[in-house]
C-alpha atoms as a PDB file:
ATOM      1  CA  MET A   1      -0.039   0.073   0.039  1.00  0.00           C
ATOM      2  CA  GLN A   2       2.283   2.728  -1.204  1.00  0.00           C
ATOM      3  CA  VAL A   3      -0.114   5.234  -2.226  1.00  0.00           C
ATOM      4  CA  HIS A   4      -3.834   5.244  -1.253  1.00  0.00           C
ATOM      5  CA  GLY A   5      -6.200   8.205  -1.456  1.00  0.00           C
ATOM      6  CA  GLY A   6      -3.792  10.073  -3.698  1.00  0.00           C
ATOM      7  CA  ALA A   7      -1.152  10.601  -1.092  1.00  0.00           C
ATOM      8  CA  PRO A   8       1.987   8.694  -0.225  1.00  0.00           C
ATOM      9  CA  PHE A   9       1.662   6.405   2.766  1.00  0.00           C
ATOM     10  CA  TRP A  10       4.192   7.787   4.955  1.00  0.00           C
ATOM     11  CA  SER A  11       3.224  11.457   4.119  1.00  0.00           C
ATOM     12  CA  SER A  12      -0.285  10.132   5.626  1.00  0.00           C
ATOM     13  CA  VAL A  13       1.542   8.619   8.645  1.00  0.00           C
ATOM     14  CA  ALA A  14       3.407  12.023   9.178  1.00  0.00           C
ATOM     15  CA  TYR A  15       0.108  13.860   9.028  1.00  0.00           C
ATOM     16  CA  ALA A  16      -1.579  11.510  11.568  1.00  0.00           C
ATOM     17  CA  ALA A  17       1.502  11.731  13.841  1.00  0.00           C
ATOM     18  CA  MET A  18       1.076  15.536  13.712  1.00  0.00           C
ATOM     19  CA  PHE A  19      -2.554  15.421  14.729  1.00  0.00           C
ATOM     20  CA  LEU A  20      -1.271  13.173  17.711  1.00  0.00           C
ATOM     21  CA  LEU A  21       1.177  15.390  18.735  1.00  0.00           C
ATOM     22  CA  GLY A  22      -1.386  18.484  18.520  1.00  0.00           C
ATOM     23  CA  THR A  23      -3.976  16.436  20.685  1.00  0.00           C
ATOM     24  CA  LEU A  24      -1.216  15.908  23.049  1.00  0.00           C
ATOM     25  CA  ALA A  25      -0.300  19.304  23.429  1.00  0.00           C
ATOM     26  CA  THR A  26      -3.767  20.267  24.096  1.00  0.00           C
ATOM     27  CA  LEU A  27      -4.453  18.025  26.581  1.00  0.00           C
ATOM     28  CA  ALA A  28      -0.955  18.156  28.346  1.00  0.00           C
ATOM     29  CA  LEU A  29      -1.861  21.155  30.574  1.00  0.00           C
ATOM     30  CA  PRO A  30      -5.234  19.781  31.669  1.00  0.00           C
ATOM     31  CA  ALA A  31      -3.873  16.339  32.438  1.00  0.00           C
ATOM     32  CA  LEU A  32      -1.087  17.938  34.651  1.00  0.00           C
ATOM     33  CA  CYS A  33      -3.596  19.890  36.582  1.00  0.00           C
ATOM     34  CA  TRP A  34      -5.483  16.735  37.168  1.00  0.00           C
ATOM     35  CA  ALA A  35      -2.600  14.715  38.182  1.00  0.00           C
ATOM     36  CA  LEU A  36      -1.840  17.455  40.838  1.00  0.00           C
ATOM     37  CA  MET A  37      -5.349  17.663  42.141  1.00  0.00           C
ATOM     38  CA  ALA A  38      -6.074  13.885  42.144  1.00  0.00           C
ATOM     39  CA  GLU A  39      -2.487  12.886  43.655  1.00  0.00           C
ATOM     40  CA  SER A  40      -4.043  10.899  46.402  1.00  0.00           C
ATOM     41  CA  ARG A  41      -6.607   9.213  44.059  1.00  0.00           C
ATOM     42  CA  LEU A  42      -3.789   8.066  41.634  1.00  0.00           C
ATOM     43  CA  LYS A  43      -2.669   5.457  44.058  1.00  0.00           C
ATOM     44  CA  ASN A  44      -6.155   3.722  43.462  1.00  0.00           C
ATOM     45  CA  PHE A  45      -6.446   4.423  39.990  1.00  0.00           C
ATOM     46  CA  VAL A  46      -5.878   0.744  38.655  1.00  0.00           C
ATOM     47  CA  ALA A  47      -8.358  -0.661  41.175  1.00  0.00           C
ATOM     48  CA  ASP A  48     -10.838   1.976  39.969  1.00  0.00           C
ATOM     49  CA  PHE A  49     -10.505   1.216  36.449  1.00  0.00           C
ATOM     50  CA  ARG A  50     -11.034  -2.319  36.836  1.00  0.00           C
ATOM     51  CA  ALA A  51     -14.248  -1.400  38.631  1.00  0.00           C
ATOM     52  CA  LEU A  52     -15.771   0.543  35.923  1.00  0.00           C
ATOM     53  CA  ASN A  53     -19.322  -0.434  35.439  1.00  0.00           C
ATOM     54  CA  SER A  54     -20.386  -1.006  31.645  1.00  0.00           C
ATOM     55  CA  GLU A  55     -21.770   2.582  30.883  1.00  0.00           C
ATOM     56  CA  LEU A  56     -18.551   4.305  32.000  1.00  0.00           C
ATOM     57  CA  TRP A  57     -16.367   1.802  30.174  1.00  0.00           C
ATOM     58  CA  LEU A  58     -18.451   2.464  27.113  1.00  0.00           C
ATOM     59  CA  LEU A  59     -17.713   6.318  27.676  1.00  0.00           C
ATOM     60  CA  PHE A  60     -14.205   5.638  27.981  1.00  0.00           C
ATOM     61  CA  LEU A  61     -14.250   3.609  24.555  1.00  0.00           C
ATOM     62  CA  VAL A  62     -15.871   6.533  22.875  1.00  0.00           C
ATOM     63  CA  CYS A  63     -13.300   9.111  24.209  1.00  0.00           C
ATOM     64  CA  ILE A  64     -10.308   6.649  22.988  1.00  0.00           C
ATOM     65  CA  GLY A  65     -12.152   6.322  19.701  1.00  0.00           C
ATOM     66  CA  THR A  66     -12.478   9.961  19.475  1.00  0.00           C
ATOM     67  CA  ILE A  67      -8.703  10.417  19.344  1.00  0.00           C
ATOM     68  CA  VAL A  68      -7.941   7.032  17.521  1.00  0.00           C
ATOM     69  CA  LEU A  69     -10.420   7.122  14.571  1.00  0.00           C
ATOM     70  CA  PRO A  70      -9.261  10.302  12.883  1.00  0.00           C
ATOM     71  CA  VAL A  71      -5.501   9.309  12.968  1.00  0.00           C
ATOM     72  CA  ILE A  72      -6.643   5.759  11.197  1.00  0.00           C
ATOM     73  CA  THR A  73      -8.881   7.648   8.675  1.00  0.00           C
ATOM     74  CA  ALA A  74      -5.828  10.153   7.938  1.00  0.00           C
ATOM     75  CA  VAL A  75      -3.538   7.292   7.159  1.00  0.00           C
ATOM     76  CA  MET A  76      -6.220   5.321   5.278  1.00  0.00           C
ATOM     77  CA  VAL A  77      -7.365   8.196   3.215  1.00  0.00           C
ATOM     78  CA  GLY A  78      -4.385  10.248   2.742  1.00  0.00           C
ATOM     79  CA  ASN A  79      -3.739  13.640   3.993  1.00  0.00           C
ATOM     80  CA  ARG A  80      -4.246  15.430   0.455  1.00  0.00           C
ATOM     81  CA  TYR A  81      -7.911  14.574   0.622  1.00  0.00           C
ATOM     82  CA  CYS A  82      -8.223  15.960   4.221  1.00  0.00           C
ATOM     83  CA  ARG A  83      -6.240  19.186   3.136  1.00  0.00           C
ATOM     84  CA  ARG A  84      -8.846  19.758   0.402  1.00  0.00           C
ATOM     85  CA  CYS A  85     -11.594  19.328   2.879  1.00  0.00           C
ATOM     86  CA  GLY A  86     -10.390  22.154   4.863  1.00  0.00           C
ATOM     87  CA  GLY A  87      -7.996  20.518   7.152  1.00  0.00           C
ATOM     88  CA  PHE A  88      -8.414  17.285   9.302  1.00  0.00           C
ATOM     89  CA  LYS A  89     -12.018  17.808  10.736  1.00  0.00           C
ATOM     90  CA  GLY A  90     -13.214  18.215   6.990  1.00  0.00           C
ATOM     91  CA  CYS A  91     -12.853  14.353   6.639  1.00  0.00           C
ATOM     92  CA  PHE A  92     -15.715  13.952   8.998  1.00  0.00           C
ATOM     93  CA  LEU A  93     -17.725  16.968   8.094  1.00  0.00           C
ATOM     94  CA  THR A  94     -18.328  16.262   4.511  1.00  0.00           C
END
């Protein structure tokens, strides 16, 4: 799969990596603030995570999918298509 959707594979991977870096940069400060506030609760994090009920587990999966699905789409479709649509979000708005 060298070329898919009109863009070279590695170009699409680079575009997806830049999306992930942007997402991480956006979430870094809130994550740091959360870690400072939840310092004592972090000791029980694994046990609390395993005790999630089905509704919270579904919410967790939706949150992860919101970050992972655009990356997979950018690699599969190619970044030239996404740029013509007005950026990364254009893939999901058209």
